[in-house]
Protein backbone atom coordinates (compact mmCIF):
# COMPACT_ATOMS: atom_id res chain seq x y z
CA MET A 1 27.90 -25.81 54.98
CA SER A 2 29.07 -27.16 51.64
CA THR A 3 31.65 -29.85 51.00
CA ILE A 4 34.34 -29.49 48.37
CA SER A 5 37.45 -31.47 47.49
CA VAL A 6 40.86 -29.93 48.03
CA THR A 7 41.43 -30.05 44.25
CA ASP A 8 38.23 -28.12 43.55
CA ALA A 9 39.00 -25.71 46.38
CA ARG A 10 42.45 -25.03 44.95
CA ASN A 11 41.00 -24.35 41.50
CA ARG A 12 38.21 -22.10 42.84
CA LEU A 13 39.92 -20.45 45.80
CA PRO A 14 39.33 -16.80 44.81
CA GLU A 15 35.64 -17.54 44.21
CA LEU A 16 35.31 -19.45 47.49
CA VAL A 17 37.00 -16.69 49.48
CA ASP A 18 34.61 -14.13 48.00
CA ASP A 19 31.68 -16.42 48.81
CA VAL A 20 32.60 -16.93 52.47
CA ALA A 21 33.37 -13.23 52.92
CA SER A 22 30.13 -11.95 51.41
CA HIS A 23 27.62 -14.68 52.24
CA LEU A 24 29.05 -16.24 55.42
CA THR A 25 29.08 -19.57 53.59
CA GLU A 26 31.31 -22.28 55.02
CA TYR A 27 33.08 -25.07 53.15
CA VAL A 28 34.36 -28.38 54.46
CA ILE A 29 37.41 -29.25 52.39
CA THR A 30 37.97 -32.95 51.84
CA LYS A 31 41.03 -34.92 50.84
CA HIS A 32 40.55 -38.49 49.65
CA GLY A 33 36.91 -38.24 50.73
CA ARG A 34 37.66 -37.29 54.35
CA SER A 35 37.17 -33.89 55.98
CA HIS A 36 40.49 -32.11 56.52
CA ALA A 37 39.77 -28.38 56.81
CA VAL A 38 37.07 -25.74 56.93
CA LEU A 39 37.01 -22.48 55.01
CA LEU A 40 35.01 -19.74 56.71
CA SER A 41 35.08 -15.96 56.86
CA ALA A 42 37.45 -14.13 59.17
CA GLU A 43 34.36 -12.58 60.79
CA GLU A 44 32.85 -16.00 61.55
CA HIS A 45 36.19 -17.30 62.82
CA GLU A 46 36.54 -14.36 65.21
CA ALA A 47 32.97 -14.86 66.46
CA LEU A 48 33.65 -18.54 67.15
CA LEU A 49 36.82 -17.71 69.08
CA GLU A 50 34.97 -15.11 71.15
CA THR A 51 32.20 -17.62 71.90
CA LEU A 52 34.73 -20.22 73.00
CA GLU A 53 36.44 -17.69 75.24
CA ILE A 54 33.14 -16.72 76.89
CA LEU A 55 32.00 -20.30 77.38
CA SER A 56 35.39 -21.40 78.75
CA ASP A 57 34.96 -18.94 81.63
CA SER A 58 32.84 -20.92 84.09
CA THR A 59 31.63 -17.80 85.92
CA THR A 60 30.43 -16.16 82.72
CA ALA A 61 28.84 -19.37 81.44
CA GLU A 62 26.96 -19.76 84.74
CA ARG A 63 25.72 -16.16 84.57
CA ILE A 64 24.45 -16.77 81.02
CA ARG A 65 22.65 -19.94 82.14
CA GLY A 66 21.12 -18.03 85.07
CA SER A 67 19.96 -15.25 82.78
CA LEU A 68 18.34 -17.73 80.41
CA GLU A 69 16.54 -19.36 83.32
CA GLU A 70 15.23 -15.94 84.42
CA LEU A 71 14.02 -15.30 80.89
CA ILE A 72 12.20 -18.64 80.78
CA ARG A 73 10.52 -17.81 84.09
CA GLY A 74 9.45 -14.46 82.67
CA GLU A 75 11.62 -12.46 85.04
CA THR A 76 12.33 -9.62 82.63
CA VAL A 77 12.44 -5.84 82.74
CA SER A 78 11.17 -3.64 79.93
CA PHE A 79 13.39 -1.38 77.87
CA GLU A 80 11.46 1.59 79.21
CA ASP A 81 12.06 0.55 82.82
CA VAL A 82 15.78 0.24 82.19
CA PHE A 83 16.37 3.33 80.03
CA GLY A 84 13.43 5.54 81.00
CA GLU A 85 12.08 5.84 77.48
CA PRO A 86 10.04 3.66 75.13
CA LEU A 87 11.74 1.50 72.55
């Protein structure tokens, strides 16, 4: 994540928008030396919102934690066992 002043961001906005859209770069925009905003791609923004929605659901978050614990314990099933064909 890069930091850029609001003045520089204003002057380079088309370039910054292209950068975040094509490289998933993020910029912290500062005003008077303090962070005030973040510029990120619409794709990244949507992904963050989806993640927040998932994690805000306590049942789903608990299922994810349980699945991770199973993985750590080695309680997995192969692709072939699930789908009946090799990966």
